[in-house]
């Protein structure tokens, strides 16, 4: 397989994953994704931002999230996010630390 074809297939797989998480399974909470898989929609947006930044394209976290979510992140949260119980929050802290790094207080 040539390099351009590989890139196009990888991009198509990313678009399919995004569509699945955003359209087919918007009910799946980010905290559950992080706790089970070690990544969530926000991670995908961050990876998008990092790839843009590596190529010299300035992009903030909020800009990347809006591109990924197709709307401002706060709008997505209002429409789709449900409250997490204390057990999920505790598991998230562990999963985030293991997969992303230390949680920064905002």
PDB file of N, CA and C in Angstrom:
ATOM      1  N   UNK A   1       0.847  -1.176   0.000  1.00  0.00           N
ATOM      2  CA  UNK A   1       0.000   0.000   0.000  1.00  0.00           C
ATOM      3  C   UNK A   1       0.893   1.240   0.000  1.00  0.00           C
ATOM      4  N   UNK A   2       0.547   2.198  -0.843  1.00  0.00           N
ATOM      5  CA  UNK A   2       1.349   3.418  -0.882  1.00  0.00           C
ATOM      6  C   UNK A   2       0.963   4.333   0.288  1.00  0.00           C
ATOM      7  N   UNK A   3       1.851   5.284   0.571  1.00  0.00           N
ATOM      8  CA  UNK A   3       1.704   6.167   1.733  1.00  0.00           C
ATOM      9  C   UNK A   3       0.419   6.992   1.675  1.00  0.00           C
ATOM     10  N   UNK A   4       0.078   7.548   0.523  1.00  0.00           N
ATOM     11  CA  UNK A   4      -1.124   8.380   0.403  1.00  0.00           C
ATOM     12  C   UNK A   4      -2.385   7.556   0.656  1.00  0.00           C
ATOM     13  N   UNK A   5      -2.424   6.346   0.150  1.00  0.00           N
ATOM     14  CA  UNK A   5      -3.578   5.476   0.383  1.00  0.00           C
ATOM     15  C   UNK A   5      -3.703   5.150   1.862  1.00  0.00           C
ATOM     16  N   UNK A   6      -2.583   4.870   2.522  1.00  0.00           N
ATOM     17  CA  UNK A   6      -2.605   4.585   3.961  1.00  0.00           C
ATOM     18  C   UNK A   6      -3.153   5.776   4.734  1.00  0.00           C
ATOM     19  N   UNK A   7      -2.704   6.974   4.394  1.00  0.00           N
ATOM     20  CA  UNK A   7      -3.178   8.188   5.061  1.00  0.00           C
ATOM     21  C   UNK A   7      -4.682   8.359   4.851  1.00  0.00           C
ATOM     22  N   UNK A   8      -5.149   8.149   3.640  1.00  0.00           N
ATOM     23  CA  UNK A   8      -6.575   8.292   3.341  1.00  0.00           C
ATOM     24  C   UNK A   8      -7.414   7.265   4.091  1.00  0.00           C
ATOM     25  N   UNK A   9      -6.930   6.041   4.201  1.00  0.00           N
ATOM     26  CA  UNK A   9      -7.649   4.997   4.939  1.00  0.00           C
ATOM     27  C   UNK A   9      -7.675   5.328   6.428  1.00  0.00           C
ATOM     28  N   UNK A  10      -6.552   5.782   6.970  1.00  0.00           N
ATOM     29  CA  UNK A  10      -6.525   6.169   8.382  1.00  0.00           C
ATOM     30  C   UNK A  10      -7.480   7.339   8.649  1.00  0.00           C
ATOM     31  N   UNK A  11      -7.507   8.310   7.746  1.00  0.00           N
ATOM     32  CA  UNK A  11      -8.421   9.451   7.901  1.00  0.00           C
ATOM     33  C   UNK A  11      -9.875   8.988   7.844  1.00  0.00           C
ATOM     34  N   UNK A  12     -10.174   8.064   6.951  1.00  0.00           N
ATOM     35  CA  UNK A  12     -11.539   7.537   6.853  1.00  0.00           C
ATOM     36  C   UNK A  12     -11.917   6.789   8.130  1.00  0.00           C
ATOM     37  N   UNK A  13     -10.987   6.036   8.688  1.00  0.00           N
ATOM     38  CA  UNK A  13     -11.257   5.324   9.942  1.00  0.00           C
ATOM     39  C   UNK A  13     -11.512   6.310  11.074  1.00  0.00           C
ATOM     40  N   UNK A  14     -10.746   7.404  11.143  1.00  0.00           N
ATOM     41  CA  UNK A  14     -10.966   8.439  12.158  1.00  0.00           C
ATOM     42  C   UNK A  14     -12.352   9.055  11.990  1.00  0.00           C
ATOM     43  N   UNK A  15     -12.728   9.383  10.758  1.00  0.00           N
ATOM     44  CA  UNK A  15     -14.046   9.977  10.523  1.00  0.00           C
ATOM     45  C   UNK A  15     -15.159   9.021  10.925  1.00  0.00           C
ATOM     46  N   UNK A  16     -14.967   7.736  10.678  1.00  0.00           N
ATOM     47  CA  UNK A  16     -15.968   6.746  11.073  1.00  0.00           C
ATOM     48  C   UNK A  16     -16.057   6.634  12.581  1.00  0.00           C
ATOM     49  N   UNK A  17     -14.922   6.644  13.276  1.00  0.00           N
ATOM     50  CA  UNK A  17     -14.931   6.615  14.738  1.00  0.00           C
ATOM     51  C   UNK A  17     -15.633   7.850  15.281  1.00  0.00           C
ATOM     52  N   UNK A  18     -15.303   9.022  14.761  1.00  0.00           N
ATOM     53  CA  UNK A  18     -15.953  10.257  15.202  1.00  0.00           C
ATOM     54  C   UNK A  18     -17.458  10.174  14.985  1.00  0.00           C
ATOM     55  N   UNK A  19     -17.877   9.752  13.797  1.00  0.00           N
ATOM     56  CA  UNK A  19     -19.305   9.635  13.503  1.00  0.00           C
ATOM     57  C   UNK A  19     -19.984   8.667  14.477  1.00  0.00           C
ATOM     58  N   UNK A  20     -19.342   7.564  14.733  1.00  0.00           N
ATOM     59  CA  UNK A  20     -19.911   6.571  15.653  1.00  0.00           C
ATOM     60  C   UNK A  20     -20.110   7.174  17.044  1.00  0.00           C
ATOM     61  N   UNK A  21     -19.086   7.856  17.555  1.00  0.00           N
ATOM     62  CA  UNK A  21     -19.173   8.425  18.909  1.00  0.00           C
ATOM     63  C   UNK A  21     -20.101   9.635  18.976  1.00  0.00           C
ATOM     64  N   UNK A  22     -20.193  10.395  17.904  1.00  0.00           N
ATOM     65  CA  UNK A  22     -20.982  11.627  17.934  1.00  0.00           C
ATOM     66  C   UNK A  22     -22.429  11.408  17.502  1.00  0.00           C
ATOM     67  N   UNK A  23     -22.665  10.522  16.567  1.00  0.00           N
ATOM     68  CA  UNK A  23     -24.004  10.349  16.007  1.00  0.00           C
ATOM     69  C   UNK A  23     -24.698   9.080  16.504  1.00  0.00           C
ATOM     70  N   UNK A  24     -24.007   7.975  16.439  1.00  0.00           N
ATOM     71  CA  UNK A  24     -24.640   6.704  16.802  1.00  0.00           C
ATOM     72  C   UNK A  24     -24.649   6.464  18.304  1.00  0.00           C
ATOM     73  N   UNK A  25     -23.601   6.929  19.012  1.00  0.00           N
ATOM     74  CA  UNK A  25     -23.492   6.643  20.441  1.00  0.00           C
ATOM     75  C   UNK A  25     -23.208   7.886  21.269  1.00  0.00           C
ATOM     76  N   UNK A  26     -23.937   8.955  20.971  1.00  0.00           N
ATOM     77  CA  UNK A  26     -23.804  10.170  21.773  1.00  0.00           C
ATOM     78  C   UNK A  26     -24.201   9.920  23.223  1.00  0.00           C
ATOM     79  N   UNK A  27     -24.936   8.822  23.457  1.00  0.00           N
ATOM     80  CA  UNK A  27     -25.367   8.476  24.814  1.00  0.00           C
ATOM     81  C   UNK A  27     -24.225   7.965  25.686  1.00  0.00           C
ATOM     82  N   UNK A  28     -23.159   7.497  25.070  1.00  0.00           N
ATOM     83  CA  UNK A  28     -22.020   6.994  25.838  1.00  0.00           C
ATOM     84  C   UNK A  28     -21.266   8.194  26.398  1.00  0.00           C
ATOM     85  N   UNK A  29     -21.118   8.211  27.697  1.00  0.00           N
ATOM     86  CA  UNK A  29     -20.511   9.349  28.371  1.00  0.00           C
ATOM     87  C   UNK A  29     -18.990   9.323  28.227  1.00  0.00           C
ATOM     88  N   UNK A  30     -18.382  10.502  28.121  1.00  0.00           N
ATOM     89  CA  UNK A  30     -16.926  10.602  28.045  1.00  0.00           C
ATOM     90  C   UNK A  30     -16.259   9.937  29.244  1.00  0.00           C
ATOM     91  N   UNK A  31     -16.836  10.114  30.424  1.00  0.00           N
ATOM     92  CA  UNK A  31     -16.224   9.539  31.623  1.00  0.00           C
ATOM     93  C   UNK A  31     -16.188   8.013  31.521  1.00  0.00           C
ATOM     94  N   UNK A  32     -17.236   7.418  30.932  1.00  0.00           N
ATOM     95  CA  UNK A  32     -17.256   5.965  30.765  1.00  0.00           C
ATOM     96  C   UNK A  32     -16.227   5.516  29.733  1.00  0.00           C
ATOM     97  N   UNK A  33     -16.092   6.281  28.649  1.00  0.00           N
ATOM     98  CA  UNK A  33     -15.056   5.967  27.658  1.00  0.00           C
ATOM     99  C   UNK A  33     -13.672   6.002  28.296  1.00  0.00           C
ATOM    100  N   UNK A  34     -13.401   7.069  29.043  1.00  0.00           N
ATOM    101  CA  UNK A  34     -12.091   7.205  29.679  1.00  0.00           C
ATOM    102  C   UNK A  34     -11.857   6.081  30.672  1.00  0.00           C
ATOM    103  N   UNK A  35     -12.851   5.784  31.476  1.00  0.00           N
ATOM    104  CA  UNK A  35     -12.678   4.757  32.503  1.00  0.00           C
ATOM    105  C   UNK A  35     -12.470   3.378  31.901  1.00  0.00           C
ATOM    106  N   UNK A  36     -13.106   3.091  30.778  1.00  0.00           N
ATOM    107  CA  UNK A  36     -12.996   1.765  30.171  1.00  0.00           C
ATOM    108  C   UNK A  36     -11.876   1.655  29.147  1.00  0.00           C
ATOM    109  N   UNK A  37     -11.672   2.716  28.365  1.00  0.00           N
ATOM    110  CA  UNK A  37     -10.747   2.620  27.239  1.00  0.00           C
ATOM    111  C   UNK A  37      -9.487   3.467  27.389  1.00  0.00           C
ATOM    112  N   UNK A  38      -9.494   4.393  28.353  1.00  0.00           N
ATOM    113  CA  UNK A  38      -8.326   5.240  28.535  1.00  0.00           C
ATOM    114  C   UNK A  38      -8.278   6.432  27.596  1.00  0.00           C
ATOM    115  N   UNK A  39      -9.361   6.689  26.865  1.00  0.00           N
ATOM    116  CA  UNK A  39      -9.479   7.879  26.030  1.00  0.00           C
ATOM    117  C   UNK A  39     -10.952   8.198  25.872  1.00  0.00           C
ATOM    118  N   UNK A  40     -11.224   9.447  25.450  1.00  0.00           N
ATOM    119  CA  UNK A  40     -12.605   9.863  25.230  1.00  0.00           C
ATOM    120  C   UNK A  40     -12.647  10.845  24.071  1.00  0.00           C
ATOM    121  N   UNK A  41     -13.790  11.432  23.827  1.00  0.00           N
ATOM    122  CA  UNK A  41     -13.930  12.409  22.750  1.00  0.00           C
ATOM    123  C   UNK A  41     -12.969  13.584  22.941  1.00  0.00           C
ATOM    124  N   UNK A  42     -12.793  14.011  24.180  1.00  0.00           N
ATOM    125  CA  UNK A  42     -11.874  15.125  24.432  1.00  0.00           C
ATOM    126  C   UNK A  42     -10.447  14.749  24.071  1.00  0.00           C
ATOM    127  N   UNK A  43     -10.077  13.505  24.304  1.00  0.00           N
ATOM    128  CA  UNK A  43      -8.740  13.047  23.909  1.00  0.00           C
ATOM    129  C   UNK A  43      -8.595  13.104  22.390  1.00  0.00           C
ATOM    130  N   UNK A  44      -9.612  12.665  21.679  1.00  0.00           N
ATOM    131  CA  UNK A  44      -9.556  12.721  20.217  1.00  0.00           C
ATOM    132  C   UNK A  44      -9.416  14.168  19.740  1.00  0.00           C
ATOM    133  N   UNK A  45     -10.135  15.088  20.371  1.00  0.00           N
ATOM    134  CA  UNK A  45      -9.991  16.506  20.017  1.00  0.00           C
ATOM    135  C   UNK A  45      -8.591  17.001  20.343  1.00  0.00           C
ATOM    136  N   UNK A  46      -8.042  16.573  21.475  1.00  0.00           N
ATOM    137  CA  UNK A  46      -6.680  16.990  21.862  1.00  0.00           C
ATOM    138  C   UNK A  46      -5.664  16.440  20.865  1.00  0.00           C
ATOM    139  N   UNK A  47      -5.817  15.195  20.451  1.00  0.00           N
ATOM    140  CA  UNK A  47      -4.898  14.612  19.476  1.00  0.00           C
ATOM    141  C   UNK A  47      -4.990  15.362  18.150  1.00  0.00           C
ATOM    142  N   UNK A  48      -6.187  15.792  17.775  1.00  0.00           N
ATOM    143  CA  UNK A  48      -6.384  16.591  16.572  1.00  0.00           C
ATOM    144  C   UNK A  48      -5.618  17.905  16.710  1.00  0.00           C
ATOM    145  N   UNK A  49      -5.774  18.564  17.857  1.00  0.00           N
ATOM    146  CA  UNK A  49      -5.073  19.820  18.130  1.00  0.00           C
ATOM    147  C   UNK A  49      -3.565  19.611  18.070  1.00  0.00           C
ATOM    148  N   UNK A  50      -3.073  18.570  18.724  1.00  0.00           N
ATOM    149  CA  UNK A  50      -1.632  18.312  18.736  1.00  0.00           C
ATOM    150  C   UNK A  50      -1.102  18.066  17.330  1.00  0.00           C
ATOM    151  N   UNK A  51      -1.847  17.334  16.500  1.00  0.00           N
ATOM    152  CA  UNK A  51      -1.417  17.080  15.125  1.00  0.00           C
ATOM    153  C   UNK A  51      -1.374  18.383  14.333  1.00  0.00           C
ATOM    154  N   UNK A  52      -2.353  19.251  14.555  1.00  0.00           N
ATOM    155  CA  UNK A  52      -2.344  20.552  13.879  1.00  0.00           C
ATOM    156  C   UNK A  52      -1.155  21.377  14.337  1.00  0.00           C
ATOM    157  N   UNK A  53      -0.947  21.447  15.647  1.00  0.00           N
ATOM    158  CA  UNK A  53       0.166  22.239  16.191  1.00  0.00           C
ATOM    159  C   UNK A  53       1.512  21.725  15.682  1.00  0.00           C
ATOM    160  N   UNK A  54       1.667  20.403  15.579  1.00  0.00           N
ATOM    161  CA  UNK A  54       2.923  19.819  15.079  1.00  0.00           C
ATOM    162  C   UNK A  54       3.196  20.238  13.638  1.00  0.00           C
ATOM    163  N   UNK A  55       2.139  20.571  12.908  1.00  0.00           N
ATOM    164  CA  UNK A  55       2.290  20.985  11.519  1.00  0.00           C
ATOM    165  C   UNK A  55       2.310  22.503  11.374  1.00  0.00           C
ATOM    166  N   UNK A  56       2.460  23.201  12.503  1.00  0.00           N
ATOM    167  CA  UNK A  56       2.551  24.652  12.472  1.00  0.00           C
ATOM    168  C   UNK A  56       1.218  25.368  12.376  1.00  0.00           C
ATOM    169  N   UNK A  57       0.119  24.649  12.589  1.00  0.00           N
ATOM    170  CA  UNK A  57      -1.214  25.251  12.558  1.00  0.00           C
ATOM    171  C   UNK A  57      -1.617  25.554  13.995  1.00  0.00           C
ATOM    172  N   UNK A  58      -1.748  26.847  14.297  1.00  0.00           N
ATOM    173  CA  UNK A  58      -2.132  27.236  15.652  1.00  0.00           C
ATOM    174  C   UNK A  58      -3.583  26.847  15.893  1.00  0.00           C
ATOM    175  N   UNK A  59      -3.815  26.131  16.984  1.00  0.00           N
ATOM    176  CA  UNK A  59      -5.158  25.700  17.332  1.00  0.00           C
ATOM    177  C   UNK A  59      -5.221  25.541  18.837  1.00  0.00           C
ATOM    178  N   UNK A  60      -6.233  26.135  19.448  1.00  0.00           N
ATOM    179  CA  UNK A  60      -6.417  26.005  20.892  1.00  0.00           C
ATOM    180  C   UNK A  60      -7.228  24.761  21.210  1.00  0.00           C
ATOM    181  N   UNK A  61      -7.242  24.418  22.474  1.00  0.00           N
ATOM    182  CA  UNK A  61      -8.058  23.288  22.932  1.00  0.00           C
ATOM    183  C   UNK A  61      -9.526  23.524  22.578  1.00  0.00           C
ATOM    184  N   UNK A  62     -10.022  24.729  22.845  1.00  0.00           N
ATOM    185  CA  UNK A  62     -11.423  25.029  22.556  1.00  0.00           C
ATOM    186  C   UNK A  62     -11.727  24.957  21.061  1.00  0.00           C
ATOM    187  N   UNK A  63     -10.800  25.440  20.233  1.00  0.00           N
ATOM    188  CA  UNK A  63     -11.003  25.364  18.781  1.00  0.00           C
ATOM    189  C   UNK A  63     -11.041  23.908  18.313  1.00  0.00           C
ATOM    190  N   UNK A  64     -10.140  23.096  18.825  1.00  0.00           N
ATOM    191  CA  UNK A  64     -10.114  21.681  18.442  1.00  0.00           C
ATOM    192  C   UNK A  64     -11.388  20.975  18.886  1.00  0.00           C
ATOM    193  N   UNK A  65     -11.842  21.278  20.088  1.00  0.00           N
ATOM    194  CA  UNK A  65     -13.074  20.644  20.571  1.00  0.00           C
ATOM    195  C   UNK A  65     -14.264  21.061  19.706  1.00  0.00           C
ATOM    196  N   UNK A  66     -14.322  22.331  19.323  1.00  0.00           N
ATOM    197  CA  UNK A  66     -15.441  22.762  18.491  1.00  0.00           C
ATOM    198  C   UNK A  66     -15.405  22.073  17.128  1.00  0.00           C
ATOM    199  N   UNK A  67     -14.222  21.886  16.571  1.00  0.00           N
ATOM    200  CA  UNK A  67     -14.103  21.149  15.311  1.00  0.00           C
ATOM    201  C   UNK A  67     -14.559  19.706  15.518  1.00  0.00           C
ATOM    202  N   UNK A  68     -14.079  19.071  16.575  1.00  0.00           N
ATOM    203  CA  UNK A  68     -14.418  17.659  16.799  1.00  0.00           C
ATOM    204  C   UNK A  68     -15.906  17.481  17.109  1.00  0.00           C
ATOM    205  N   UNK A  69     -16.425  18.287  18.038  1.00  0.00           N
ATOM    206  CA  UNK A  69     -17.814  18.142  18.462  1.00  0.00           C
ATOM    207  C   UNK A  69     -18.806  18.738  17.469  1.00  0.00           C
ATOM    208  N   UNK A  70     -18.328  19.590  16.574  1.00  0.00           N
ATOM    209  CA  UNK A  70     -19.225  20.226  15.626  1.00  0.00           C
ATOM    210  C   UNK A  70     -20.051  21.344  16.246  1.00  0.00           C
ATOM    211  N   UNK A  71     -19.665  21.754  17.436  1.00  0.00           N
ATOM    212  CA  UNK A  71     -20.346  22.814  18.181  1.00  0.00           C
ATOM    213  C   UNK A  71     -19.457  23.158  19.361  1.00  0.00           C
ATOM    214  N   UNK A  72     -19.715  24.276  20.024  1.00  0.00           N
ATOM    215  CA  UNK A  72     -18.940  24.557  21.234  1.00  0.00           C
ATOM    216  C   UNK A  72     -19.108  23.421  22.244  1.00  0.00           C
ATOM    217  N   UNK A  73     -18.015  23.080  22.918  1.00  0.00           N
ATOM    218  CA  UNK A  73     -18.024  21.949  23.857  1.00  0.00           C
ATOM    219  C   UNK A  73     -19.100  22.102  24.925  1.00  0.00           C
ATOM    220  N   UNK A  74     -19.290  23.311  25.433  1.00  0.00           N
ATOM    221  CA  UNK A  74     -20.308  23.515  26.472  1.00  0.00           C
ATOM    222  C   UNK A  74     -21.701  23.186  25.952  1.00  0.00           C
ATOM    223  N   UNK A  75     -21.966  23.454  24.685  1.00  0.00           N
ATOM    224  CA  UNK A  75     -23.260  23.079  24.096  1.00  0.00           C
ATOM    225  C   UNK A  75     -23.412  21.558  24.064  1.00  0.00           C
ATOM    226  N   UNK A  76     -22.337  20.862  23.683  1.00  0.00           N
ATOM    227  CA  UNK A  76     -22.367  19.395  23.670  1.00  0.00           C
ATOM    228  C   UNK A  76     -22.658  18.867  25.069  1.00  0.00           C
ATOM    229  N   UNK A  77     -21.944  19.409  26.044  1.00  0.00           N
ATOM    230  CA  UNK A  77     -22.135  18.959  27.429  1.00  0.00           C
ATOM    231  C   UNK A  77     -23.580  19.160  27.862  1.00  0.00           C
ATOM    232  N   UNK A  78     -24.141  20.309  27.576  1.00  0.00           N
ATOM    233  CA  UNK A  78     -25.524  20.604  27.955  1.00  0.00           C
ATOM    234  C   UNK A  78     -26.491  19.611  27.312  1.00  0.00           C
ATOM    235  N   UNK A  79     -26.252  19.275  26.059  1.00  0.00           N
ATOM    236  CA  UNK A  79     -27.150  18.390  25.320  1.00  0.00           C
ATOM    237  C   UNK A  79     -26.979  16.914  25.669  1.00  0.00           C
ATOM    238  N   UNK A  80     -25.763  16.502  26.060  1.00  0.00           N
ATOM    239  CA  UNK A  80     -25.477  15.067  26.131  1.00  0.00           C
ATOM    240  C   UNK A  80     -24.919  14.544  27.444  1.00  0.00           C
ATOM    241  N   UNK A  81     -24.304  15.373  28.229  1.00  0.00           N
ATOM    242  CA  UNK A  81     -23.615  14.869  29.415  1.00  0.00           C
ATOM    243  C   UNK A  81     -24.572  14.725  30.594  1.00  0.00           C
ATOM    244  N   UNK A  82     -24.425  13.628  31.300  1.00  0.00           N
ATOM    245  CA  UNK A  82     -25.201  13.392  32.511  1.00  0.00           C
ATOM    246  C   UNK A  82     -24.259  13.426  33.707  1.00  0.00           C
ATOM    247  N   UNK A  83     -24.830  13.558  34.864  1.00  0.00           N
ATOM    248  CA  UNK A  83     -24.015  13.607  36.085  1.00  0.00           C
ATOM    249  C   UNK A  83     -23.360  12.255  36.339  1.00  0.00           C
ATOM    250  N   UNK A  84     -22.136  12.306  36.845  1.00  0.00           N
ATOM    251  CA  UNK A  84     -21.398  11.085  37.186  1.00  0.00           C
ATOM    252  C   UNK A  84     -21.411  10.910  38.697  1.00  0.00           C
ATOM    253  N   UNK A  85     -21.518   9.662  39.119  1.00  0.00           N
ATOM    254  CA  UNK A  85     -21.490   9.403  40.561  1.00  0.00           C
ATOM    255  C   UNK A  85     -20.046   9.423  41.067  1.00  0.00           C
ATOM    256  N   UNK A  86     -19.890   9.363  42.377  1.00  0.00           N
ATOM    257  CA  UNK A  86     -18.562   9.461  42.985  1.00  0.00           C
ATOM    258  C   UNK A  86     -17.637   8.334  42.549  1.00  0.00           C
ATOM    259  N   UNK A  87     -18.164   7.136  42.349  1.00  0.00           N
ATOM    260  CA  UNK A  87     -17.330   6.006  41.924  1.00  0.00           C
ATOM    261  C   UNK A  87     -16.760   6.253  40.527  1.00  0.00           C
ATOM    262  N   UNK A  88     -17.594   6.762  39.615  1.00  0.00           N
ATOM    263  CA  UNK A  88     -17.111   7.054  38.261  1.00  0.00           C
ATOM    264  C   UNK A  88     -16.067   8.170  38.287  1.00  0.00           C
ATOM    265  N   UNK A  89     -16.299   9.171  39.132  1.00  0.00           N
ATOM    266  CA  UNK A  89     -15.343  10.276  39.241  1.00  0.00           C
ATOM    267  C   UNK A  89     -14.000   9.791  39.771  1.00  0.00           C
ATOM    268  N   UNK A  90     -14.022   8.905  40.752  1.00  0.00           N
ATOM    269  CA  UNK A  90     -12.780   8.361  41.312  1.00  0.00           C
ATOM    270  C   UNK A  90     -12.052   7.516  40.264  1.00  0.00           C
ATOM    271  N   UNK A  91     -12.800   6.698  39.534  1.00  0.00           N
ATOM    272  CA  UNK A  91     -12.194   5.875  38.484  1.00  0.00           C
ATOM    273  C   UNK A  91     -11.619   6.756  37.384  1.00  0.00           C
ATOM    274  N   UNK A  92     -12.300   7.862  37.085  1.00  0.00           N
ATOM    275  CA  UNK A  92     -11.818   8.789  36.067  1.00  0.00           C
ATOM    276  C   UNK A  92     -10.474   9.387  36.468  1.00  0.00           C
ATOM    277  N   UNK A  93     -10.344   9.780  37.727  1.00  0.00           N
ATOM    278  CA  UNK A  93      -9.075  10.363  38.176  1.00  0.00           C
ATOM    279  C   UNK A  93      -7.923   9.397  37.945  1.00  0.00           C
ATOM    280  N   UNK A  94      -8.154   8.122  38.219  1.00  0.00           N
ATOM    281  CA  UNK A  94      -7.123   7.100  38.006  1.00  0.00           C
ATOM    282  C   UNK A  94      -6.853   6.934  36.508  1.00  0.00           C
ATOM    283  N   UNK A  95      -7.916   6.779  35.720  1.00  0.00           N
ATOM    284  CA  UNK A  95      -7.758   6.563  34.280  1.00  0.00           C
ATOM    285  C   UNK A  95      -7.079   7.757  33.616  1.00  0.00           C
ATOM    286  N   UNK A  96      -7.471   8.963  34.009  1.00  0.00           N
ATOM    287  CA  UNK A  96      -6.875  10.160  33.424  1.00  0.00           C
ATOM    288  C   UNK A  96      -5.388  10.221  33.756  1.00  0.00           C
ATOM    289  N   UNK A  97      -5.061   9.989  34.996  1.00  0.00           N
ATOM    290  CA  UNK A  97      -3.657  10.039  35.428  1.00  0.00           C
ATOM    291  C   UNK A  97      -2.829   8.990  34.679  1.00  0.00           C
ATOM    292  N   UNK A  98      -3.377   7.795  34.505  1.00  0.00           N
ATOM    293  CA  UNK A  98      -2.643   6.718  33.835  1.00  0.00           C
ATOM    294  C   UNK A  98      -2.498   6.951  32.331  1.00  0.00           C
ATOM    295  N   UNK A  99      -3.465   7.618  31.736  1.00  0.00           N
ATOM    296  CA  UNK A  99      -3.478   7.732  30.277  1.00  0.00           C
ATOM    297  C   UNK A  99      -3.143   9.103  29.728  1.00  0.00           C
ATOM    298  N   UNK A 100      -3.332  10.141  30.540  1.00  0.00           N
ATOM    299  CA  UNK A 100      -3.111  11.497  30.058  1.00  0.00           C
ATOM    300  C   UNK A 100      -2.053  12.209  30.894  1.00  0.00           C
ATOM    301  N   UNK A 101      -2.176  12.139  32.180  1.00  0.00           N
ATOM    302  CA  UNK A 101      -1.253  12.833  33.089  1.00  0.00           C
ATOM    303  C   UNK A 101      -2.012  13.344  34.286  1.00  0.00           C
ATOM    304  N   UNK A 102      -1.391  14.213  35.006  1.00  0.00           N
ATOM    305  CA  UNK A 102      -2.025  14.760  36.208  1.00  0.00           C
ATOM    306  C   UNK A 102      -3.199  15.652  35.821  1.00  0.00           C
ATOM    307  N   UNK A 103      -4.247  15.616  36.617  1.00  0.00           N
ATOM    308  CA  UNK A 103      -5.401  16.483  36.407  1.00  0.00           C
ATOM    309  C   UNK A 103      -5.032  17.875  36.907  1.00  0.00           C
ATOM    310  N   UNK A 104      -5.238  18.843  36.019  1.00  0.00           N
ATOM    311  CA  UNK A 104      -4.947  20.239  36.376  1.00  0.00           C
ATOM    312  C   UNK A 104      -6.238  20.901  36.807  1.00  0.00           C
ATOM    313  N   UNK A 105      -6.199  21.540  37.940  1.00  0.00           N
ATOM    314  CA  UNK A 105      -7.358  22.279  38.437  1.00  0.00           C
ATOM    315  C   UNK A 105      -7.543  23.517  37.581  1.00  0.00           C
ATOM    316  N   UNK A 106      -8.793  23.816  37.211  1.00  0.00           N
ATOM    317  CA  UNK A 106      -9.036  25.007  36.378  1.00  0.00           C
ATOM    318  C   UNK A 106      -9.594  26.141  37.199  1.00  0.00           C
TER     319      UNK A 106
END
